[in-house]
Amino acid sequence: MKAVFDTKPNSGYDDEIVGRYHFPARGNYMAAATAAVGDWIVYREPQRNGGRRAYIAVARVLRIQPDRVRPNHAYAIMGDYLPFDRPVPFGGDGDGGYWETPLRAIAQASRVGAAVQGKAMRPLADADFSAIVTAGLSETLSPANAIRLGLVGGIGDGVADVAQALFDHGVAPGGDDVRRVEQMLINRKIRDANFRRQVCEAYDDRCAVTGLKIINGGGRSEVQAAHIWGVGDGGPDVVQNGLALSGTVHWLFDRHLISLTNDYRLLVSHNKVPAELRVLFERQMDRIHLPKDPRLWPHPTYVERHREAFMAA
């Protein structure tokens, strides 16, 4: 069964929501977590503690394991985390109501807060899940963005273009075709498009190494979104695990011929990088171009993983 998991900044829980969700192992908390194993959840930030009062991402519950340090607590181990293009307002389904069916049944809006009190983990209907996800990924799924995000090609061309299938079958924000939405969430092409959009936007479509910004005639940025910790090895599709890089620099980065220091300066394997490409790294000791928002800078854990591979190479 699908669920909503509330997550708050500075909550005091040992959360790292890309990979784990920490919760009290009692009553309705454990019931909601156990029922969601193998299924999808939507993360929501309440307004408390500076949260955005919005749904922010989806993930899949892989298993539940006890917290061996903190008694009477447990972890939901998460996978397939995918952030939304934009936060989906808690009380904004387009009709002035709420996305979750039980909340829409409450006549007085002032009573909704009380209804979710103590229910930070709660069941979510399939139709509500589909509506929230399609709203949250509306930019990635928009046909108008297909070229810019690399979502081109039809159903019959051998590519599992689930995004186009969703629109062909009339599934838009508010739709309830849960099977198609679930297919979309694990489709590599859709996930790459979402990752590319968020990384390129964070870096202002500029290569993090060269600083160049090139937009082609079709309106698509020439920079690519590179994973720091590769998804094949378990890396997540989040901006903090990404760099906007030109094609050549991306090729070098993926082969661990270049990497990053802890303070975001370049490491270059000069004996392996072709001589004609070394001009790209003349400013090697300068910090790379980073997002304006420090919260979107590469996460040290992911950088360290890449650097370990660079040193081994």
Foldseek 3Di string as FASTA:
>chain_A
DEKEAEDEPPPVFPDPPQFKDKDFQDDPVVVLLVVQAQHKYWYAYCPPNNGPQFTWWMWGFNDKAQDPPDPRMIMGTTHLIATFPDTHHQAPLPPRGGLAPVRRPDPDVVCSVVVCVVPSMGHGDLLSVLLRRLVRHVCLLPPVCCVQLVNDDDCPPPAPSLSVVCVVVPNHRSGRPNVSVVVLSPRPSSLLSSLFVVQCVQLVLAFQQQRDWDADPVRHTQWGWAFLQDVVNPGHSALLRTGTHHPVVSVCLVQLQWAADLQQFIDHVVVPPDPVPCVSCPVRRDHTRGGPDPVSHHDSVSRVVSNVSSVVD
